[in-house]
């Protein structure tokens, strides 16, 4: 995970992620893509994400997804 959103390049403070676990897109871009454009795919891997989680970026988020954690269900 980088320190900036993969879509708008703004610093990441709040992120949205789906089942694939990619945490590279800010919550604002996730909302715009899902609700304005109707795009429910991950911006990184293009996996269909019927639901997303929004959370504040923390050290735990970065650590968990940079190591081998079980997939999010």
C-alpha atoms as a PDB file:
ATOM      1  CA  UNK A   1       0.000   0.000   0.000  1.00  0.00           C
ATOM      2  CA  UNK A   2       1.284   3.422  -0.918  1.00  0.00           C
ATOM      3  CA  UNK A   3       0.721   6.625   1.027  1.00  0.00           C
ATOM      4  CA  UNK A   4      -1.409   8.109  -1.781  1.00  0.00           C
ATOM      5  CA  UNK A   5      -4.658   7.077  -3.450  1.00  0.00           C
ATOM      6  CA  UNK A   6      -4.107   5.150  -6.703  1.00  0.00           C
ATOM      7  CA  UNK A   7      -6.938   7.115  -8.358  1.00  0.00           C
ATOM      8  CA  UNK A   8      -6.654  10.747  -7.195  1.00  0.00           C
ATOM      9  CA  UNK A   9      -3.110  10.740  -5.695  1.00  0.00           C
ATOM     10  CA  UNK A  10      -4.322  12.433  -2.482  1.00  0.00           C
ATOM     11  CA  UNK A  11      -2.800  11.239   0.806  1.00  0.00           C
ATOM     12  CA  UNK A  12      -4.605   8.216   2.225  1.00  0.00           C
ATOM     13  CA  UNK A  13      -6.386   8.817   5.512  1.00  0.00           C
ATOM     14  CA  UNK A  14      -9.603   6.839   4.972  1.00  0.00           C
ATOM     15  CA  UNK A  15      -9.571   3.836   2.632  1.00  0.00           C
ATOM     16  CA  UNK A  16     -12.135   1.550   1.090  1.00  0.00           C
ATOM     17  CA  UNK A  17     -11.452  -2.077   0.241  1.00  0.00           C
ATOM     18  CA  UNK A  18     -13.346  -5.151  -0.898  1.00  0.00           C
ATOM     19  CA  UNK A  19     -12.849  -8.910  -0.767  1.00  0.00           C
ATOM     20  CA  UNK A  20      -9.560  -8.747  -2.658  1.00  0.00           C
ATOM     21  CA  UNK A  21      -8.025  -6.661   0.150  1.00  0.00           C
ATOM     22  CA  UNK A  22      -6.435  -3.937  -1.983  1.00  0.00           C
ATOM     23  CA  UNK A  23      -6.176  -0.795   0.148  1.00  0.00           C
ATOM     24  CA  UNK A  24      -4.808   1.660  -2.409  1.00  0.00           C
ATOM     25  CA  UNK A  25      -7.912   3.799  -3.007  1.00  0.00           C
ATOM     26  CA  UNK A  26      -9.343   6.502  -0.748  1.00  0.00           C
ATOM     27  CA  UNK A  27     -12.915   6.352   0.495  1.00  0.00           C
ATOM     28  CA  UNK A  28     -13.908   9.402  -1.598  1.00  0.00           C
ATOM     29  CA  UNK A  29     -12.815   7.734  -4.835  1.00  0.00           C
ATOM     30  CA  UNK A  30     -14.488   4.462  -3.838  1.00  0.00           C
ATOM     31  CA  UNK A  31     -17.756   6.344  -3.243  1.00  0.00           C
ATOM     32  CA  UNK A  32     -17.484   8.244  -6.537  1.00  0.00           C
ATOM     33  CA  UNK A  33     -16.730   5.099  -8.526  1.00  0.00           C
ATOM     34  CA  UNK A  34     -19.481   3.022  -6.897  1.00  0.00           C
ATOM     35  CA  UNK A  35     -22.309   5.535  -6.576  1.00  0.00           C
ATOM     36  CA  UNK A  36     -21.703   8.050  -9.364  1.00  0.00           C
ATOM     37  CA  UNK A  37     -20.244   5.785 -12.059  1.00  0.00           C
ATOM     38  CA  UNK A  38     -21.755   2.469 -10.929  1.00  0.00           C
ATOM     39  CA  UNK A  39     -18.354   0.743 -11.068  1.00  0.00           C
ATOM     40  CA  UNK A  40     -18.176  -1.994  -8.416  1.00  0.00           C
ATOM     41  CA  UNK A  41     -14.787  -3.411  -9.432  1.00  0.00           C
ATOM     42  CA  UNK A  42     -11.522  -3.097  -7.533  1.00  0.00           C
ATOM     43  CA  UNK A  43      -9.432  -0.364  -9.146  1.00  0.00           C
ATOM     44  CA  UNK A  44      -6.302  -2.491  -8.822  1.00  0.00           C
ATOM     45  CA  UNK A  45      -7.260  -6.064  -9.823  1.00  0.00           C
ATOM     46  CA  UNK A  46     -10.731  -5.485 -11.371  1.00  0.00           C
ATOM     47  CA  UNK A  47     -12.355  -8.130  -9.147  1.00  0.00           C
ATOM     48  CA  UNK A  48     -16.088  -7.545  -8.669  1.00  0.00           C
ATOM     49  CA  UNK A  49     -16.680  -6.214  -5.121  1.00  0.00           C
ATOM     50  CA  UNK A  50     -20.338  -6.393  -4.108  1.00  0.00           C
ATOM     51  CA  UNK A  51     -19.482  -4.691  -0.804  1.00  0.00           C
ATOM     52  CA  UNK A  52     -16.635  -2.586   0.517  1.00  0.00           C
ATOM     53  CA  UNK A  53     -15.364  -1.663   3.955  1.00  0.00           C
ATOM     54  CA  UNK A  54     -14.240   1.857   4.814  1.00  0.00           C
ATOM     55  CA  UNK A  55     -11.724   2.397   7.589  1.00  0.00           C
ATOM     56  CA  UNK A  56      -9.148   4.889   8.770  1.00  0.00           C
ATOM     57  CA  UNK A  57      -5.599   3.996   7.756  1.00  0.00           C
ATOM     58  CA  UNK A  58      -3.678   2.594  10.713  1.00  0.00           C
ATOM     59  CA  UNK A  59      -0.422   0.788  11.219  1.00  0.00           C
ATOM     60  CA  UNK A  60      -2.414  -2.445  11.669  1.00  0.00           C
ATOM     61  CA  UNK A  61      -4.027  -2.061   8.210  1.00  0.00           C
ATOM     62  CA  UNK A  62      -0.656  -1.646   6.570  1.00  0.00           C
ATOM     63  CA  UNK A  63       0.925  -4.507   8.527  1.00  0.00           C
ATOM     64  CA  UNK A  64      -1.941  -6.942   8.006  1.00  0.00           C
ATOM     65  CA  UNK A  65      -2.132  -6.541   4.249  1.00  0.00           C
ATOM     66  CA  UNK A  66       1.602  -6.541   3.726  1.00  0.00           C
ATOM     67  CA  UNK A  67       1.936  -9.957   5.410  1.00  0.00           C
ATOM     68  CA  UNK A  68       0.050 -13.178   4.836  1.00  0.00           C
ATOM     69  CA  UNK A  69      -3.308 -12.709   6.529  1.00  0.00           C
ATOM     70  CA  UNK A  70      -6.334 -14.849   5.723  1.00  0.00           C
ATOM     71  CA  UNK A  71      -8.554 -13.408   2.979  1.00  0.00           C
ATOM     72  CA  UNK A  72     -11.383 -11.074   3.931  1.00  0.00           C
ATOM     73  CA  UNK A  73     -14.792 -12.733   3.701  1.00  0.00           C
END
